[in-house]
């Protein structure tokens, strides 16, 4: 999955280079912006939970929000994660 993402990014960069267009943002700023988007997405479930009067526990956050921010499933086994990193 990481290699596909990297390949898509390289392809986009090649297309930008061919049509002589600069990327829309410097890489560090773009990555910080993406992180902000991922965190911001989780504000909605947190707000809904607060409106419903349910507590925001560490366990709930770890199972519901953290996987969506990090892209790593909370139920993923370490062995499975290692295998997915190898491609």
PDB file of N, CA and C in Angstrom:
ATOM      1  N   UNK A   1       0.825  -1.175   0.000  1.00  0.00           N
ATOM      2  CA  UNK A   1       0.000   0.000   0.000  1.00  0.00           C
ATOM      3  C   UNK A   1       0.884   1.259   0.000  1.00  0.00           C
ATOM      4  N   UNK A   2       1.969   1.221   0.780  1.00  0.00           N
ATOM      5  CA  UNK A   2       2.874   2.368   0.824  1.00  0.00           C
ATOM      6  C   UNK A   2       3.558   2.580  -0.520  1.00  0.00           C
ATOM      7  N   UNK A   3       3.923   1.483  -1.161  1.00  0.00           N
ATOM      8  CA  UNK A   3       4.572   1.600  -2.462  1.00  0.00           C
ATOM      9  C   UNK A   3       3.613   2.151  -3.512  1.00  0.00           C
ATOM     10  N   UNK A   4       2.351   1.748  -3.452  1.00  0.00           N
ATOM     11  CA  UNK A   4       1.348   2.290  -4.372  1.00  0.00           C
ATOM     12  C   UNK A   4       1.174   3.785  -4.140  1.00  0.00           C
ATOM     13  N   UNK A   5       1.113   4.178  -2.885  1.00  0.00           N
ATOM     14  CA  UNK A   5       0.984   5.597  -2.552  1.00  0.00           C
ATOM     15  C   UNK A   5       2.194   6.386  -3.036  1.00  0.00           C
ATOM     16  N   UNK A   6       3.378   5.850  -2.802  1.00  0.00           N
ATOM     17  CA  UNK A   6       4.589   6.504  -3.268  1.00  0.00           C
ATOM     18  C   UNK A   6       4.591   6.597  -4.789  1.00  0.00           C
ATOM     19  N   UNK A   7       4.205   5.521  -5.452  1.00  0.00           N
ATOM     20  CA  UNK A   7       4.143   5.518  -6.915  1.00  0.00           C
ATOM     21  C   UNK A   7       3.167   6.546  -7.447  1.00  0.00           C
ATOM     22  N   UNK A   8       2.015   6.670  -6.801  1.00  0.00           N
ATOM     23  CA  UNK A   8       1.031   7.673  -7.225  1.00  0.00           C
ATOM     24  C   UNK A   8       1.596   9.073  -7.051  1.00  0.00           C
ATOM     25  N   UNK A   9       2.312   9.294  -5.965  1.00  0.00           N
ATOM     26  CA  UNK A   9       2.929  10.597  -5.739  1.00  0.00           C
ATOM     27  C   UNK A   9       3.996  10.913  -6.770  1.00  0.00           C
ATOM     28  N   UNK A  10       4.801   9.914  -7.100  1.00  0.00           N
ATOM     29  CA  UNK A  10       5.832  10.114  -8.116  1.00  0.00           C
ATOM     30  C   UNK A  10       5.190  10.400  -9.467  1.00  0.00           C
ATOM     31  N   UNK A  11       4.138   9.653  -9.794  1.00  0.00           N
ATOM     32  CA  UNK A  11       3.430   9.876 -11.051  1.00  0.00           C
ATOM     33  C   UNK A  11       2.860  11.296 -11.119  1.00  0.00           C
ATOM     34  N   UNK A  12       2.263  11.747 -10.018  1.00  0.00           N
ATOM     35  CA  UNK A  12       1.745  13.119  -9.982  1.00  0.00           C
ATOM     36  C   UNK A  12       2.876  14.117 -10.171  1.00  0.00           C
ATOM     37  N   UNK A  13       4.018  13.856  -9.547  1.00  0.00           N
ATOM     38  CA  UNK A  13       5.172  14.739  -9.707  1.00  0.00           C
ATOM     39  C   UNK A  13       5.673  14.787 -11.133  1.00  0.00           C
ATOM     40  N   UNK A  14       5.690  13.631 -11.792  1.00  0.00           N
ATOM     41  CA  UNK A  14       6.114  13.579 -13.197  1.00  0.00           C
ATOM     42  C   UNK A  14       5.147  14.378 -14.071  1.00  0.00           C
ATOM     43  N   UNK A  15       3.851  14.196 -13.828  1.00  0.00           N
ATOM     44  CA  UNK A  15       2.853  14.950 -14.599  1.00  0.00           C
ATOM     45  C   UNK A  15       3.037  16.447 -14.368  1.00  0.00           C
ATOM     46  N   UNK A  16       3.215  16.866 -13.113  1.00  0.00           N
ATOM     47  CA  UNK A  16       3.463  18.285 -12.818  1.00  0.00           C
ATOM     48  C   UNK A  16       4.697  18.770 -13.570  1.00  0.00           C
ATOM     49  N   UNK A  17       5.754  17.959 -13.579  1.00  0.00           N
ATOM     50  CA  UNK A  17       6.975  18.347 -14.272  1.00  0.00           C
ATOM     51  C   UNK A  17       6.772  18.464 -15.777  1.00  0.00           C
ATOM     52  N   UNK A  18       6.012  17.527 -16.352  1.00  0.00           N
ATOM     53  CA  UNK A  18       5.770  17.546 -17.796  1.00  0.00           C
ATOM     54  C   UNK A  18       4.967  18.760 -18.244  1.00  0.00           C
ATOM     55  N   UNK A  19       4.011  19.169 -17.417  1.00  0.00           N
ATOM     56  CA  UNK A  19       3.207  20.334 -17.803  1.00  0.00           C
ATOM     57  C   UNK A  19       3.757  21.631 -17.196  1.00  0.00           C
ATOM     58  N   UNK A  20       4.931  21.502 -16.582  1.00  0.00           N
ATOM     59  CA  UNK A  20       5.654  22.657 -16.036  1.00  0.00           C
ATOM     60  C   UNK A  20       4.841  23.443 -14.997  1.00  0.00           C
ATOM     61  N   UNK A  21       4.282  22.692 -14.043  1.00  0.00           N
ATOM     62  CA  UNK A  21       3.489  23.285 -12.959  1.00  0.00           C
ATOM     63  C   UNK A  21       4.146  22.911 -11.642  1.00  0.00           C
ATOM     64  N   UNK A  22       4.215  23.850 -10.725  1.00  0.00           N
ATOM     65  CA  UNK A  22       4.769  23.558  -9.395  1.00  0.00           C
ATOM     66  C   UNK A  22       3.722  22.875  -8.554  1.00  0.00           C
ATOM     67  N   UNK A  23       4.172  22.022  -7.624  1.00  0.00           N
ATOM     68  CA  UNK A  23       3.216  21.371  -6.728  1.00  0.00           C
ATOM     69  C   UNK A  23       2.517  22.431  -5.884  1.00  0.00           C
ATOM     70  N   UNK A  24       1.296  22.158  -5.463  1.00  0.00           N
ATOM     71  CA  UNK A  24       0.497  23.173  -4.770  1.00  0.00           C
ATOM     72  C   UNK A  24       1.040  23.619  -3.418  1.00  0.00           C
ATOM     73  N   UNK A  25       1.849  22.822  -2.771  1.00  0.00           N
ATOM     74  CA  UNK A  25       2.372  23.212  -1.462  1.00  0.00           C
ATOM     75  C   UNK A  25       3.709  22.527  -1.229  1.00  0.00           C
ATOM     76  N   UNK A  26       4.587  23.155  -0.468  1.00  0.00           N
ATOM     77  CA  UNK A  26       5.830  22.468  -0.099  1.00  0.00           C
ATOM     78  C   UNK A  26       5.490  21.186   0.663  1.00  0.00           C
ATOM     79  N   UNK A  27       6.270  20.131   0.493  1.00  0.00           N
ATOM     80  CA  UNK A  27       5.928  18.834   1.092  1.00  0.00           C
ATOM     81  C   UNK A  27       5.649  18.872   2.591  1.00  0.00           C
ATOM     82  N   UNK A  28       6.459  19.568   3.363  1.00  0.00           N
ATOM     83  CA  UNK A  28       6.239  19.581   4.818  1.00  0.00           C
ATOM     84  C   UNK A  28       4.899  20.235   5.153  1.00  0.00           C
ATOM     85  N   UNK A  29       4.583  21.325   4.481  1.00  0.00           N
ATOM     86  CA  UNK A  29       3.306  22.002   4.736  1.00  0.00           C
ATOM     87  C   UNK A  29       2.148  21.110   4.323  1.00  0.00           C
ATOM     88  N   UNK A  30       2.290  20.428   3.187  1.00  0.00           N
ATOM     89  CA  UNK A  30       1.226  19.536   2.729  1.00  0.00           C
ATOM     90  C   UNK A  30       0.998  18.402   3.728  1.00  0.00           C
ATOM     91  N   UNK A  31       2.074  17.829   4.255  1.00  0.00           N
ATOM     92  CA  UNK A  31       1.924  16.738   5.216  1.00  0.00           C
ATOM     93  C   UNK A  31       1.277  17.207   6.510  1.00  0.00           C
ATOM     94  N   UNK A  32       1.649  18.372   6.974  1.00  0.00           N
ATOM     95  CA  UNK A  32       1.018  18.918   8.184  1.00  0.00           C
ATOM     96  C   UNK A  32      -0.459  19.184   7.923  1.00  0.00           C
ATOM     97  N   UNK A  33      -0.770  19.672   6.737  1.00  0.00           N
ATOM     98  CA  UNK A  33      -2.168  19.897   6.371  1.00  0.00           C
ATOM     99  C   UNK A  33      -2.960  18.605   6.343  1.00  0.00           C
ATOM    100  N   UNK A  34      -2.371  17.545   5.787  1.00  0.00           N
ATOM    101  CA  UNK A  34      -3.045  16.249   5.769  1.00  0.00           C
ATOM    102  C   UNK A  34      -3.270  15.720   7.182  1.00  0.00           C
ATOM    103  N   UNK A  35      -2.277  15.882   8.045  1.00  0.00           N
ATOM    104  CA  UNK A  35      -2.442  15.453   9.436  1.00  0.00           C
ATOM    105  C   UNK A  35      -3.591  16.231  10.086  1.00  0.00           C
ATOM    106  N   UNK A  36      -3.644  17.523   9.830  1.00  0.00           N
ATOM    107  CA  UNK A  36      -4.740  18.334  10.362  1.00  0.00           C
ATOM    108  C   UNK A  36      -6.099  17.866   9.873  1.00  0.00           C
ATOM    109  N   UNK A  37      -6.162  17.474   8.607  1.00  0.00           N
ATOM    110  CA  UNK A  37      -7.426  16.960   8.068  1.00  0.00           C
ATOM    111  C   UNK A  37      -7.834  15.669   8.775  1.00  0.00           C
ATOM    112  N   UNK A  38      -6.876  14.778   8.995  1.00  0.00           N
ATOM    113  CA  UNK A  38      -7.183  13.518   9.670  1.00  0.00           C
ATOM    114  C   UNK A  38      -7.652  13.751  11.099  1.00  0.00           C
ATOM    115  N   UNK A  39      -6.986  14.653  11.786  1.00  0.00           N
ATOM    116  CA  UNK A  39      -7.394  14.965  13.163  1.00  0.00           C
ATOM    117  C   UNK A  39      -8.751  15.654  13.170  1.00  0.00           C
ATOM    118  N   UNK A  40      -8.947  16.594  12.237  1.00  0.00           N
ATOM    119  CA  UNK A  40     -10.212  17.313  12.154  1.00  0.00           C
ATOM    120  C   UNK A  40     -11.395  16.407  11.879  1.00  0.00           C
ATOM    121  N   UNK A  41     -11.181  15.363  11.071  1.00  0.00           N
ATOM    122  CA  UNK A  41     -12.246  14.398  10.805  1.00  0.00           C
ATOM    123  C   UNK A  41     -12.747  13.757  12.085  1.00  0.00           C
ATOM    124  N   UNK A  42     -11.867  13.582  13.046  1.00  0.00           N
ATOM    125  CA  UNK A  42     -12.242  12.908  14.283  1.00  0.00           C
ATOM    126  C   UNK A  42     -12.969  13.827  15.256  1.00  0.00           C
ATOM    127  N   UNK A  43     -13.002  15.113  14.962  1.00  0.00           N
ATOM    128  CA  UNK A  43     -13.746  16.045  15.812  1.00  0.00           C
ATOM    129  C   UNK A  43     -15.243  15.740  15.759  1.00  0.00           C
ATOM    130  N   UNK A  44     -15.729  15.265  14.612  1.00  0.00           N
ATOM    131  CA  UNK A  44     -17.159  14.981  14.467  1.00  0.00           C
ATOM    132  C   UNK A  44     -17.598  13.823  15.371  1.00  0.00           C
ATOM    133  N   UNK A  45     -16.940  12.654  15.339  1.00  0.00           N
ATOM    134  CA  UNK A  45     -17.372  11.588  16.243  1.00  0.00           C
ATOM    135  C   UNK A  45     -17.222  11.963  17.719  1.00  0.00           C
ATOM    136  N   UNK A  46     -16.174  12.725  18.039  1.00  0.00           N
ATOM    137  CA  UNK A  46     -15.985  13.161  19.428  1.00  0.00           C
ATOM    138  C   UNK A  46     -17.132  14.077  19.836  1.00  0.00           C
ATOM    139  N   UNK A  47     -17.483  15.025  18.969  1.00  0.00           N
ATOM    140  CA  UNK A  47     -18.579  15.953  19.279  1.00  0.00           C
ATOM    141  C   UNK A  47     -19.900  15.202  19.414  1.00  0.00           C
ATOM    142  N   UNK A  48     -20.163  14.257  18.511  1.00  0.00           N
ATOM    143  CA  UNK A  48     -21.405  13.473  18.596  1.00  0.00           C
ATOM    144  C   UNK A  48     -21.470  12.706  19.905  1.00  0.00           C
ATOM    145  N   UNK A  49     -20.335  12.155  20.296  1.00  0.00           N
ATOM    146  CA  UNK A  49     -20.296  11.383  21.550  1.00  0.00           C
ATOM    147  C   UNK A  49     -20.555  12.300  22.746  1.00  0.00           C
ATOM    148  N   UNK A  50     -19.971  13.485  22.716  1.00  0.00           N
ATOM    149  CA  UNK A  50     -20.197  14.436  23.805  1.00  0.00           C
ATOM    150  C   UNK A  50     -21.657  14.887  23.850  1.00  0.00           C
ATOM    151  N   UNK A  51     -22.253  15.131  22.688  1.00  0.00           N
ATOM    152  CA  UNK A  51     -23.654  15.544  22.630  1.00  0.00           C
ATOM    153  C   UNK A  51     -24.566  14.449  23.165  1.00  0.00           C
ATOM    154  N   UNK A  52     -24.214  13.193  22.863  1.00  0.00           N
ATOM    155  CA  UNK A  52     -25.006  12.059  23.370  1.00  0.00           C
ATOM    156  C   UNK A  52     -24.801  11.823  24.856  1.00  0.00           C
ATOM    157  N   UNK A  53     -23.828  12.512  25.456  1.00  0.00           N
ATOM    158  CA  UNK A  53     -23.569  12.359  26.876  1.00  0.00           C
ATOM    159  C   UNK A  53     -22.689  11.169  27.217  1.00  0.00           C
ATOM    160  N   UNK A  54     -22.102  10.555  26.205  1.00  0.00           N
ATOM    161  CA  UNK A  54     -21.220   9.401  26.434  1.00  0.00           C
ATOM    162  C   UNK A  54     -19.817   9.905  26.750  1.00  0.00           C
ATOM    163  N   UNK A  55     -19.104   9.185  27.600  1.00  0.00           N
ATOM    164  CA  UNK A  55     -17.749   9.628  27.944  1.00  0.00           C
ATOM    165  C   UNK A  55     -16.760   9.390  26.810  1.00  0.00           C
ATOM    166  N   UNK A  56     -15.746  10.214  26.761  1.00  0.00           N
ATOM    167  CA  UNK A  56     -14.637  10.035  25.821  1.00  0.00           C
ATOM    168  C   UNK A  56     -13.528   9.328  26.603  1.00  0.00           C
ATOM    169  N   UNK A  57     -13.454   8.035  26.440  1.00  0.00           N
ATOM    170  CA  UNK A  57     -12.451   7.266  27.171  1.00  0.00           C
ATOM    171  C   UNK A  57     -11.243   6.998  26.285  1.00  0.00           C
ATOM    172  N   UNK A  58     -10.155   6.663  26.927  1.00  0.00           N
ATOM    173  CA  UNK A  58      -8.931   6.335  26.189  1.00  0.00           C
ATOM    174  C   UNK A  58      -9.168   5.110  25.306  1.00  0.00           C
ATOM    175  N   UNK A  59      -9.893   4.128  25.817  1.00  0.00           N
ATOM    176  CA  UNK A  59     -10.176   2.915  25.054  1.00  0.00           C
ATOM    177  C   UNK A  59     -11.036   3.234  23.829  1.00  0.00           C
ATOM    178  N   UNK A  60     -12.049   4.080  23.993  1.00  0.00           N
ATOM    179  CA  UNK A  60     -12.898   4.457  22.861  1.00  0.00           C
ATOM    180  C   UNK A  60     -12.069   5.197  21.817  1.00  0.00           C
ATOM    181  N   UNK A  61     -11.267   6.155  22.259  1.00  0.00           N
ATOM    182  CA  UNK A  61     -10.436   6.924  21.331  1.00  0.00           C
ATOM    183  C   UNK A  61      -9.475   5.997  20.581  1.00  0.00           C
ATOM    184  N   UNK A  62      -8.869   5.057  21.308  1.00  0.00           N
ATOM    185  CA  UNK A  62      -7.911   4.132  20.695  1.00  0.00           C
ATOM    186  C   UNK A  62      -8.580   3.221  19.670  1.00  0.00           C
ATOM    187  N   UNK A  63      -9.834   2.855  19.907  1.00  0.00           N
ATOM    188  CA  UNK A  63     -10.497   1.940  18.970  1.00  0.00           C
ATOM    189  C   UNK A  63     -11.206   2.662  17.831  1.00  0.00           C
ATOM    190  N   UNK A  64     -11.671   3.881  18.063  1.00  0.00           N
ATOM    191  CA  UNK A  64     -12.453   4.585  17.049  1.00  0.00           C
ATOM    192  C   UNK A  64     -11.677   5.654  16.284  1.00  0.00           C
ATOM    193  N   UNK A  65     -10.866   6.420  16.960  1.00  0.00           N
ATOM    194  CA  UNK A  65     -10.204   7.570  16.326  1.00  0.00           C
ATOM    195  C   UNK A  65      -8.779   7.273  15.889  1.00  0.00           C
ATOM    196  N   UNK A  66      -8.020   6.665  16.753  1.00  0.00           N
ATOM    197  CA  UNK A  66      -6.601   6.442  16.463  1.00  0.00           C
ATOM    198  C   UNK A  66      -6.366   5.678  15.159  1.00  0.00           C
ATOM    199  N   UNK A  67      -7.133   4.601  14.874  1.00  0.00           N
ATOM    200  CA  UNK A  67      -6.898   3.899  13.608  1.00  0.00           C
ATOM    201  C   UNK A  67      -7.150   4.771  12.382  1.00  0.00           C
ATOM    202  N   UNK A  68      -8.094   5.686  12.482  1.00  0.00           N
ATOM    203  CA  UNK A  68      -8.399   6.545  11.341  1.00  0.00           C
ATOM    204  C   UNK A  68      -7.352   7.630  11.156  1.00  0.00           C
ATOM    205  N   UNK A  69      -6.716   8.027  12.227  1.00  0.00           N
ATOM    206  CA  UNK A  69      -5.669   9.047  12.136  1.00  0.00           C
ATOM    207  C   UNK A  69      -4.362   8.421  11.666  1.00  0.00           C
ATOM    208  N   UNK A  70      -4.024   7.256  12.229  1.00  0.00           N
ATOM    209  CA  UNK A  70      -2.735   6.628  11.916  1.00  0.00           C
ATOM    210  C   UNK A  70      -2.796   5.685  10.728  1.00  0.00           C
ATOM    211  N   UNK A  71      -3.997   5.200  10.386  1.00  0.00           N
ATOM    212  CA  UNK A  71      -4.127   4.230   9.308  1.00  0.00           C
ATOM    213  C   UNK A  71      -3.799   2.815   9.738  1.00  0.00           C
ATOM    214  N   UNK A  72      -3.589   2.607  11.033  1.00  0.00           N
ATOM    215  CA  UNK A  72      -3.263   1.287  11.564  1.00  0.00           C
ATOM    216  C   UNK A  72      -4.436   0.812  12.404  1.00  0.00           C
ATOM    217  N   UNK A  73      -4.975  -0.349  12.061  1.00  0.00           N
ATOM    218  CA  UNK A  73      -6.106  -0.906  12.779  1.00  0.00           C
ATOM    219  C   UNK A  73      -5.712  -1.235  14.210  1.00  0.00           C
ATOM    220  N   UNK A  74      -6.602  -0.948  15.154  1.00  0.00           N
ATOM    221  CA  UNK A  74      -6.310  -1.252  16.553  1.00  0.00           C
ATOM    222  C   UNK A  74      -6.308  -2.757  16.802  1.00  0.00           C
ATOM    223  N   UNK A  75      -6.936  -3.517  15.905  1.00  0.00           N
ATOM    224  CA  UNK A  75      -6.967  -4.967  16.077  1.00  0.00           C
ATOM    225  C   UNK A  75      -5.878  -5.663  15.271  1.00  0.00           C
ATOM    226  N   UNK A  76      -5.042  -4.891  14.579  1.00  0.00           N
ATOM    227  CA  UNK A  76      -3.972  -5.488  13.771  1.00  0.00           C
ATOM    228  C   UNK A  76      -2.941  -6.153  14.668  1.00  0.00           C
ATOM    229  N   UNK A  77      -2.540  -7.331  14.276  1.00  0.00           N
ATOM    230  CA  UNK A  77      -1.510  -8.045  15.022  1.00  0.00           C
ATOM    231  C   UNK A  77      -0.149  -7.526  14.572  1.00  0.00           C
ATOM    232  N   UNK A  78       0.839  -7.481  15.463  1.00  0.00           N
ATOM    233  CA  UNK A  78       2.164  -6.989  15.078  1.00  0.00           C
ATOM    234  C   UNK A  78       2.750  -7.739  13.894  1.00  0.00           C
ATOM    235  N   UNK A  79       2.522  -9.052  13.812  1.00  0.00           N
ATOM    236  CA  UNK A  79       3.064  -9.827  12.695  1.00  0.00           C
ATOM    237  C   UNK A  79       2.447  -9.369  11.385  1.00  0.00           C
ATOM    238  N   UNK A  80       1.128  -9.114  11.392  1.00  0.00           N
ATOM    239  CA  UNK A  80       0.448  -8.677  10.175  1.00  0.00           C
ATOM    240  C   UNK A  80       0.947  -7.314   9.744  1.00  0.00           C
ATOM    241  N   UNK A  81       1.203  -6.448  10.699  1.00  0.00           N
ATOM    242  CA  UNK A  81       1.713  -5.117  10.373  1.00  0.00           C
ATOM    243  C   UNK A  81       3.087  -5.212   9.757  1.00  0.00           C
ATOM    244  N   UNK A  82       3.937  -6.125  10.286  1.00  0.00           N
ATOM    245  CA  UNK A  82       5.278  -6.302   9.733  1.00  0.00           C
ATOM    246  C   UNK A  82       5.216  -6.817   8.306  1.00  0.00           C
ATOM    247  N   UNK A  83       4.298  -7.762   8.043  1.00  0.00           N
ATOM    248  CA  UNK A  83       4.181  -8.306   6.701  1.00  0.00           C
ATOM    249  C   UNK A  83       3.706  -7.266   5.714  1.00  0.00           C
ATOM    250  N   UNK A  84       2.774  -6.377   6.129  1.00  0.00           N
ATOM    251  CA  UNK A  84       2.275  -5.363   5.215  1.00  0.00           C
ATOM    252  C   UNK A  84       3.347  -4.326   4.898  1.00  0.00           C
ATOM    253  N   UNK A  85       4.290  -4.113   5.771  1.00  0.00           N
ATOM    254  CA  UNK A  85       5.364  -3.145   5.519  1.00  0.00           C
ATOM    255  C   UNK A  85       6.337  -3.663   4.474  1.00  0.00           C
ATOM    256  N   UNK A  86       6.412  -4.968   4.341  1.00  0.00           N
ATOM    257  CA  UNK A  86       7.370  -5.550   3.403  1.00  0.00           C
ATOM    258  C   UNK A  86       6.881  -5.469   1.966  1.00  0.00           C
ATOM    259  N   UNK A  87       5.617  -5.093   1.769  1.00  0.00           N
ATOM    260  CA  UNK A  87       5.120  -4.899   0.416  1.00  0.00           C
ATOM    261  C   UNK A  87       4.298  -6.009  -0.006  1.00  0.00           C
TER     262      UNK A  87
END
